[in-house]
Every structure is written in structure tokens, then in C-alpha cells.
Amino acid sequence: MTEEALFDILIPPGVPRTIITEVLKKFDVQIVERKERIMFANMEGDERELLAFRGKREIMEQVETYMRQRLDDFVKGD
């Protein structure tokens, strides 16, 4: 039996905990830590531990859309 591939979506630094909690409750995903190289500002090339959501591809596509919408709402103050 072949195991289905899992995909990650990095959670940008600064995403409110409320949005992370909403995603975890609403979707069948896990939260994981990933080392990623940072390529902006004065951190170019530094490796940082970042959080990511992990799950099946079709779920991760929904998570990405949902998280972007919730971040837009948060920024607009909705």
C-alpha cells in the first residue's frame, strides 16, 4: 500500500495565534516545525525554525485559501 504524500504550507511569522488555532480546528492538518533559509532584510541566508501546516494536497489548497482570506480580514480589521 502506497502512503499518500503530505504537503507543507509555511506559516508566515506574525500570523495571529487565533488564525493558526482556527485552521487546526477547521482542517485535518498537523502543525510541524521546518528549518528554512530566510532571504530578506538583515537575515539573508540565516536558517530559522518556522511553523508549517502539513496535510494532504487538496486540504492544503483549502488551508492556503482560508489562511490568506483570514489574514486579509485581520489586516483590514474585519
PDB file of N, CA and C in Angstrom:
ATOM      1  N   MET A   1       0.846  -1.182   0.000  1.00  0.00           N
ATOM      2  CA  MET A   1       0.000   0.000   0.000  1.00  0.00           C
ATOM      3  C   MET A   1       0.891   1.245   0.000  1.00  0.00           C
ATOM      4  N   THR A   2       0.617   2.180  -0.901  1.00  0.00           N
ATOM      5  CA  THR A   2       1.400   3.401  -1.005  1.00  0.00           C
ATOM      6  C   THR A   2       0.803   4.468  -0.099  1.00  0.00           C
ATOM      7  N   GLU A   3       1.674   5.109   0.662  1.00  0.00           N
ATOM      8  CA  GLU A   3       1.221   6.179   1.548  1.00  0.00           C
ATOM      9  C   GLU A   3       1.091   7.467   0.741  1.00  0.00           C
ATOM     10  N   GLU A   4       0.000   8.201   0.964  1.00  0.00           N
ATOM     11  CA  GLU A   4      -0.228   9.447   0.231  1.00  0.00           C
ATOM     12  C   GLU A   4       0.766  10.511   0.682  1.00  0.00           C
ATOM     13  N   ALA A   5       1.283  11.264  -0.283  1.00  0.00           N
ATOM     14  CA  ALA A   5       2.254  12.319   0.020  1.00  0.00           C
ATOM     15  C   ALA A   5       1.586  13.427   0.834  1.00  0.00           C
ATOM     16  N   LEU A   6       2.354  13.994   1.744  1.00  0.00           N
ATOM     17  CA  LEU A   6       1.877  15.123   2.545  1.00  0.00           C
ATOM     18  C   LEU A   6       2.614  16.377   2.099  1.00  0.00           C
ATOM     19  N   PHE A   7       1.946  17.507   2.212  1.00  0.00           N
ATOM     20  CA  PHE A   7       2.482  18.787   1.776  1.00  0.00           C
ATOM     21  C   PHE A   7       2.479  19.763   2.942  1.00  0.00           C
ATOM     22  N   ASP A   8       3.404  20.712   2.896  1.00  0.00           N
ATOM     23  CA  ASP A   8       3.514  21.742   3.935  1.00  0.00           C
ATOM     24  C   ASP A   8       3.186  23.111   3.367  1.00  0.00           C
ATOM     25  N   ILE A   9       2.573  23.938   4.202  1.00  0.00           N
ATOM     26  CA  ILE A   9       2.410  25.365   3.922  1.00  0.00           C
ATOM     27  C   ILE A   9       3.029  26.089   5.100  1.00  0.00           C
ATOM     28  N   LEU A  10       4.066  26.868   4.819  1.00  0.00           N
ATOM     29  CA  LEU A  10       4.711  27.629   5.886  1.00  0.00           C
ATOM     30  C   LEU A  10       3.756  28.676   6.435  1.00  0.00           C
ATOM     31  N   ILE A  11       3.822  28.863   7.738  1.00  0.00           N
ATOM     32  CA  ILE A  11       3.027  29.898   8.402  1.00  0.00           C
ATOM     33  C   ILE A  11       3.943  31.110   8.530  1.00  0.00           C
ATOM     34  N   PRO A  12       3.600  32.204   7.853  1.00  0.00           N
ATOM     35  CA  PRO A  12       4.472  33.380   7.931  1.00  0.00           C
ATOM     36  C   PRO A  12       4.612  33.885   9.371  1.00  0.00           C
ATOM     37  N   PRO A  13       5.811  34.311   9.746  1.00  0.00           N
ATOM     38  CA  PRO A  13       5.976  34.886  11.089  1.00  0.00           C
ATOM     39  C   PRO A  13       4.992  36.034  11.287  1.00  0.00           C
ATOM     40  N   GLY A  14       4.394  36.067  12.464  1.00  0.00           N
ATOM     41  CA  GLY A  14       3.449  37.144  12.773  1.00  0.00           C
ATOM     42  C   GLY A  14       1.990  36.789  12.572  1.00  0.00           C
ATOM     43  N   VAL A  15       1.708  35.597  12.037  1.00  0.00           N
ATOM     44  CA  VAL A  15       0.309  35.189  11.890  1.00  0.00           C
ATOM     45  C   VAL A  15      -0.278  35.040  13.288  1.00  0.00           C
ATOM     46  N   PRO A  16      -1.422  35.674  13.546  1.00  0.00           N
ATOM     47  CA  PRO A  16      -2.025  35.586  14.888  1.00  0.00           C
ATOM     48  C   PRO A  16      -2.343  34.142  15.288  1.00  0.00           C
ATOM     49  N   ARG A  17      -2.149  33.857  16.567  1.00  0.00           N
ATOM     50  CA  ARG A  17      -2.440  32.512  17.078  1.00  0.00           C
ATOM     51  C   ARG A  17      -3.892  32.123  16.844  1.00  0.00           C
ATOM     52  N   THR A  18      -4.786  33.098  16.861  1.00  0.00           N
ATOM     53  CA  THR A  18      -6.197  32.781  16.646  1.00  0.00           C
ATOM     54  C   THR A  18      -6.423  32.166  15.264  1.00  0.00           C
ATOM     55  N   ILE A  19      -5.723  32.661  14.260  1.00  0.00           N
ATOM     56  CA  ILE A  19      -5.864  32.116  12.906  1.00  0.00           C
ATOM     57  C   ILE A  19      -5.260  30.717  12.839  1.00  0.00           C
ATOM     58  N   ILE A  20      -4.110  30.514  13.471  1.00  0.00           N
ATOM     59  CA  ILE A  20      -3.495  29.185  13.497  1.00  0.00           C
ATOM     60  C   ILE A  20      -4.439  28.198  14.167  1.00  0.00           C
ATOM     61  N   THR A  21      -5.031  28.586  15.284  1.00  0.00           N
ATOM     62  CA  THR A  21      -5.975  27.731  16.001  1.00  0.00           C
ATOM     63  C   THR A  21      -7.192  27.419  15.146  1.00  0.00           C
ATOM     64  N   GLU A  22      -7.720  28.421  14.442  1.00  0.00           N
ATOM     65  CA  GLU A  22      -8.872  28.203  13.564  1.00  0.00           C
ATOM     66  C   GLU A  22      -8.552  27.148  12.509  1.00  0.00           C
ATOM     67  N   VAL A  23      -7.394  27.259  11.884  1.00  0.00           N
ATOM     68  CA  VAL A  23      -7.004  26.303  10.840  1.00  0.00           C
ATOM     69  C   VAL A  23      -6.912  24.897  11.419  1.00  0.00           C
ATOM     70  N   LEU A  24      -6.301  24.759  12.599  1.00  0.00           N
ATOM     71  CA  LEU A  24      -6.155  23.443  13.216  1.00  0.00           C
ATOM     72  C   LEU A  24      -7.503  22.819  13.558  1.00  0.00           C
ATOM     73  N   LYS A  25      -8.475  23.643  13.953  1.00  0.00           N
ATOM     74  CA  LYS A  25      -9.809  23.130  14.294  1.00  0.00           C
ATOM     75  C   LYS A  25     -10.639  22.818  13.054  1.00  0.00           C
ATOM     76  N   LYS A  26     -10.469  23.610  12.001  1.00  0.00           N
ATOM     77  CA  LYS A  26     -11.320  23.524  10.812  1.00  0.00           C
ATOM     78  C   LYS A  26     -10.853  22.465   9.805  1.00  0.00           C
ATOM     79  N   PHE A  27      -9.554  22.195   9.748  1.00  0.00           N
ATOM     80  CA  PHE A  27      -8.997  21.312   8.727  1.00  0.00           C
ATOM     81  C   PHE A  27      -8.231  20.153   9.354  1.00  0.00           C
ATOM     82  N   ASP A  28      -8.126  19.071   8.607  1.00  0.00           N
ATOM     83  CA  ASP A  28      -7.392  17.889   9.047  1.00  0.00           C
ATOM     84  C   ASP A  28      -5.908  18.079   8.717  1.00  0.00           C
ATOM     85  N   VAL A  29      -5.219  18.855   9.564  1.00  0.00           N
ATOM     86  CA  VAL A  29      -3.802  19.147   9.368  1.00  0.00           C
ATOM     87  C   VAL A  29      -3.065  19.007  10.690  1.00  0.00           C
ATOM     88  N   GLN A  30      -1.753  18.906  10.586  1.00  0.00           N
ATOM     89  CA  GLN A  30      -0.876  18.933  11.756  1.00  0.00           C
ATOM     90  C   GLN A  30      -0.065  20.211  11.686  1.00  0.00           C
ATOM     91  N   ILE A  31       0.485  20.597  12.805  1.00  0.00           N
ATOM     92  CA  ILE A  31       1.430  21.709  12.804  1.00  0.00           C
ATOM     93  C   ILE A  31       2.813  21.102  13.042  1.00  0.00           C
ATOM     94  N   VAL A  32       3.778  21.516  12.231  1.00  0.00           N
ATOM     95  CA  VAL A  32       5.132  20.976  12.305  1.00  0.00           C
ATOM     96  C   VAL A  32       6.138  22.125  12.277  1.00  0.00           C
ATOM     97  N   GLU A  33       7.368  21.819  12.660  1.00  0.00           N
ATOM     98  CA  GLU A  33       8.456  22.790  12.558  1.00  0.00           C
ATOM     99  C   GLU A  33       9.327  22.425  11.363  1.00  0.00           C
ATOM    100  N   ARG A  34       9.764  23.450  10.635  1.00  0.00           N
ATOM    101  CA  ARG A  34      10.662  23.236   9.491  1.00  0.00           C
ATOM    102  C   ARG A  34      11.776  24.261   9.530  1.00  0.00           C
ATOM    103  N   LYS A  35      12.989  23.821   9.212  1.00  0.00           N
ATOM    104  CA  LYS A  35      14.115  24.752   9.070  1.00  0.00           C
ATOM    105  C   LYS A  35      14.066  25.328   7.674  1.00  0.00           C
ATOM    106  N   GLU A  36      14.106  26.625   7.575  1.00  0.00           N
ATOM    107  CA  GLU A  36      14.087  27.300   6.274  1.00  0.00           C
ATOM    108  C   GLU A  36      15.106  28.421   6.279  1.00  0.00           C
ATOM    109  N   ARG A  37      15.715  28.640   5.131  1.00  0.00           N
ATOM    110  CA  ARG A  37      16.624  29.778   4.979  1.00  0.00           C
ATOM    111  C   ARG A  37      15.795  31.037   4.760  1.00  0.00           C
ATOM    112  N   ILE A  38      16.136  32.074   5.465  1.00  0.00           N
ATOM    113  CA  ILE A  38      15.452  33.358   5.356  1.00  0.00           C
ATOM    114  C   ILE A  38      16.234  34.222   4.373  1.00  0.00           C
ATOM    115  N   MET A  39      15.551  34.823   3.422  1.00  0.00           N
ATOM    116  CA  MET A  39      16.211  35.627   2.393  1.00  0.00           C
ATOM    117  C   MET A  39      15.628  37.040   2.312  1.00  0.00           C
ATOM    118  N   PHE A  40      15.607  37.747   3.432  1.00  0.00           N
ATOM    119  CA  PHE A  40      15.146  39.123   3.392  1.00  0.00           C
ATOM    120  C   PHE A  40      15.805  39.915   4.517  1.00  0.00           C
ATOM    121  N   ALA A  41      15.766  41.204   4.364  1.00  0.00           N
ATOM    122  CA  ALA A  41      16.308  42.154   5.348  1.00  0.00           C
ATOM    123  C   ALA A  41      17.732  41.758   5.753  1.00  0.00           C
ATOM    124  N   ASN A  42      18.019  41.848   7.040  1.00  0.00           N
ATOM    125  CA  ASN A  42      19.371  41.571   7.518  1.00  0.00           C
ATOM    126  C   ASN A  42      19.555  40.103   7.902  1.00  0.00           C
ATOM    127  N   MET A  43      18.637  39.233   7.508  1.00  0.00           N
ATOM    128  CA  MET A  43      18.728  37.823   7.866  1.00  0.00           C
ATOM    129  C   MET A  43      19.062  36.952   6.668  1.00  0.00           C
ATOM    130  N   GLU A  44      19.576  37.523   5.604  1.00  0.00           N
ATOM    131  CA  GLU A  44      19.825  36.768   4.379  1.00  0.00           C
ATOM    132  C   GLU A  44      20.697  35.551   4.636  1.00  0.00           C
ATOM    133  N   GLY A  45      20.147  34.391   4.325  1.00  0.00           N
ATOM    134  CA  GLY A  45      20.887  33.147   4.474  1.00  0.00           C
ATOM    135  C   GLY A  45      20.780  32.499   5.841  1.00  0.00           C
ATOM    136  N   ASP A  46      20.235  33.193   6.826  1.00  0.00           N
ATOM    137  CA  ASP A  46      20.062  32.597   8.156  1.00  0.00           C
ATOM    138  C   ASP A  46      19.019  31.490   8.091  1.00  0.00           C
ATOM    139  N   GLU A  47      19.231  30.427   8.847  1.00  0.00           N
ATOM    140  CA  GLU A  47      18.229  29.367   8.960  1.00  0.00           C
ATOM    141  C   GLU A  47      17.408  29.609  10.209  1.00  0.00           C
ATOM    142  N   ARG A  48      16.104  29.486  10.065  1.00  0.00           N
ATOM    143  CA  ARG A  48      15.171  29.687  11.185  1.00  0.00           C
ATOM    144  C   ARG A  48      14.207  28.519  11.250  1.00  0.00           C
ATOM    145  N   GLU A  49      13.781  28.208  12.455  1.00  0.00           N
ATOM    146  CA  GLU A  49      12.721  27.219  12.648  1.00  0.00           C
ATOM    147  C   GLU A  49      11.396  27.938  12.438  1.00  0.00           C
ATOM    148  N   LEU A  50      10.650  27.507  11.436  1.00  0.00           N
ATOM    149  CA  LEU A  50       9.346  28.094  11.157  1.00  0.00           C
ATOM    150  C   LEU A  50       8.277  27.033  11.344  1.00  0.00           C
ATOM    151  N   LEU A  51       7.067  27.485  11.644  1.00  0.00           N
ATOM    152  CA  LEU A  51       5.932  26.579  11.744  1.00  0.00           C
ATOM    153  C   LEU A  51       5.313  26.382  10.374  1.00  0.00           C
ATOM    154  N   ALA A  52       4.726  25.208  10.179  1.00  0.00           N
ATOM    155  CA  ALA A  52       4.029  24.913   8.923  1.00  0.00           C
ATOM    156  C   ALA A  52       2.838  24.023   9.228  1.00  0.00           C
ATOM    157  N   PHE A  53       1.825  24.120   8.370  1.00  0.00           N
ATOM    158  CA  PHE A  53       0.724  23.168   8.402  1.00  0.00           C
ATOM    159  C   PHE A  53       1.097  22.031   7.468  1.00  0.00           C
ATOM    160  N   ARG A  54       0.767  20.795   7.829  1.00  0.00           N
ATOM    161  CA  ARG A  54       1.069  19.635   6.992  1.00  0.00           C
ATOM    162  C   ARG A  54      -0.209  18.810   6.809  1.00  0.00           C
ATOM    163  N   GLY A  55      -0.451  18.428   5.555  1.00  0.00           N
ATOM    164  CA  GLY A  55      -1.617  17.608   5.267  1.00  0.00           C
ATOM    165  C   GLY A  55      -1.653  17.192   3.807  1.00  0.00           C
ATOM    166  N   LYS A  56      -2.760  16.587   3.422  1.00  0.00           N
ATOM    167  CA  LYS A  56      -2.943  16.144   2.041  1.00  0.00           C
ATOM    168  C   LYS A  56      -3.103  17.354   1.126  1.00  0.00           C
ATOM    169  N   ARG A  57      -2.717  17.162  -0.119  1.00  0.00           N
ATOM    170  CA  ARG A  57      -2.682  18.277  -1.072  1.00  0.00           C
ATOM    171  C   ARG A  57      -3.993  19.047  -1.168  1.00  0.00           C
ATOM    172  N   GLU A  58      -5.111  18.346  -1.350  1.00  0.00           N
ATOM    173  CA  GLU A  58      -6.387  19.046  -1.529  1.00  0.00           C
ATOM    174  C   GLU A  58      -6.781  19.838  -0.285  1.00  0.00           C
ATOM    175  N   ILE A  59      -6.439  19.324   0.882  1.00  0.00           N
ATOM    176  CA  ILE A  59      -6.711  20.043   2.133  1.00  0.00           C
ATOM    177  C   ILE A  59      -5.801  21.262   2.234  1.00  0.00           C
ATOM    178  N   MET A  60      -4.529  21.103   1.851  1.00  0.00           N
ATOM    179  CA  MET A  60      -3.585  22.212   1.957  1.00  0.00           C
ATOM    180  C   MET A  60      -3.964  23.355   1.020  1.00  0.00           C
ATOM    181  N   GLU A  61      -4.540  23.043  -0.128  1.00  0.00           N
ATOM    182  CA  GLU A  61      -5.012  24.102  -1.027  1.00  0.00           C
ATOM    183  C   GLU A  61      -6.125  24.900  -0.357  1.00  0.00           C
ATOM    184  N   GLN A  62      -7.024  24.205   0.346  1.00  0.00           N
ATOM    185  CA  GLN A  62      -8.092  24.891   1.085  1.00  0.00           C
ATOM    186  C   GLN A  62      -7.519  25.723   2.226  1.00  0.00           C
ATOM    187  N   VAL A  63      -6.527  25.166   2.931  1.00  0.00           N
ATOM    188  CA  VAL A  63      -5.887  25.878   4.043  1.00  0.00           C
ATOM    189  C   VAL A  63      -5.235  27.158   3.547  1.00  0.00           C
ATOM    190  N   GLU A  64      -4.535  27.081   2.426  1.00  0.00           N
ATOM    191  CA  GLU A  64      -3.864  28.268   1.888  1.00  0.00           C
ATOM    192  C   GLU A  64      -4.875  29.373   1.577  1.00  0.00           C
ATOM    193  N   THR A  65      -5.964  29.018   0.916  1.00  0.00           N
ATOM    194  CA  THR A  65      -7.009  29.997   0.587  1.00  0.00           C
ATOM    195  C   THR A  65      -7.612  30.589   1.854  1.00  0.00           C
ATOM    196  N   TYR A  66      -7.937  29.725   2.815  1.00  0.00           N
ATOM    197  CA  TYR A  66      -8.552  30.170   4.071  1.00  0.00           C
ATOM    198  C   TYR A  66      -7.611  31.094   4.842  1.00  0.00           C
ATOM    199  N   MET A  67      -6.343  30.694   4.975  1.00  0.00           N
ATOM    200  CA  MET A  67      -5.394  31.499   5.746  1.00  0.00           C
ATOM    201  C   MET A  67      -5.178  32.867   5.097  1.00  0.00           C
ATOM    202  N   ARG A  68      -5.066  32.906   3.779  1.00  0.00           N
ATOM    203  CA  ARG A  68      -4.899  34.201   3.096  1.00  0.00           C
ATOM    204  C   ARG A  68      -6.099  35.115   3.337  1.00  0.00           C
ATOM    205  N   GLN A  69      -7.303  34.536   3.253  1.00  0.00           N
ATOM    206  CA  GLN A  69      -8.507  35.338   3.473  1.00  0.00           C
ATOM    207  C   GLN A  69      -8.574  35.861   4.904  1.00  0.00           C
ATOM    208  N   ARG A  70      -8.268  34.996   5.862  1.00  0.00           N
ATOM    209  CA  ARG A  70      -8.297  35.414   7.279  1.00  0.00           C
ATOM    210  C   ARG A  70      -7.223  36.469   7.552  1.00  0.00           C
ATOM    211  N   LEU A  71      -6.051  36.356   6.925  1.00  0.00           N
ATOM    212  CA  LEU A  71      -5.011  37.375   7.104  1.00  0.00           C
ATOM    213  C   LEU A  71      -5.447  38.700   6.488  1.00  0.00           C
ATOM    214  N   ASP A  72      -6.075  38.662   5.307  1.00  0.00           N
ATOM    215  CA  ASP A  72      -6.609  39.885   4.690  1.00  0.00           C
ATOM    216  C   ASP A  72      -7.633  40.537   5.611  1.00  0.00           C
ATOM    217  N   ASP A  73      -8.535  39.730   6.154  1.00  0.00           N
ATOM    218  CA  ASP A  73      -9.560  40.248   7.074  1.00  0.00           C
ATOM    219  C   ASP A  73      -8.903  40.868   8.297  1.00  0.00           C
ATOM    220  N   PHE A  74      -7.875  40.204   8.839  1.00  0.00           N
ATOM    221  CA  PHE A  74      -7.189  40.688  10.029  1.00  0.00           C
ATOM    222  C   PHE A  74      -6.529  42.034   9.760  1.00  0.00           C
ATOM    223  N   VAL A  75      -5.854  42.153   8.628  1.00  0.00           N
ATOM    224  CA  VAL A  75      -5.172  43.398   8.275  1.00  0.00           C
ATOM    225  C   VAL A  75      -6.168  44.540   8.082  1.00  0.00           C
ATOM    226  N   LYS A  76      -7.303  44.228   7.482  1.00  0.00           N
ATOM    227  CA  LYS A  76      -8.345  45.240   7.240  1.00  0.00           C
ATOM    228  C   LYS A  76      -9.122  45.573   8.505  1.00  0.00           C
ATOM    229  N   GLY A  77      -8.977  44.741   9.544  1.00  0.00           N
ATOM    230  CA  GLY A  77      -9.672  44.989  10.794  1.00  0.00           C
ATOM    231  C   GLY A  77     -11.085  44.434  10.821  1.00  0.00           C
ATOM    232  N   ASP A  78     -11.391  43.501   9.923  1.00  0.00           N
ATOM    233  CA  ASP A  78     -12.738  42.893   9.891  1.00  0.00           C
ATOM    234  C   ASP A  78     -12.902  41.853  10.971  1.00  0.00           C
TER     235      ASP A  78
END
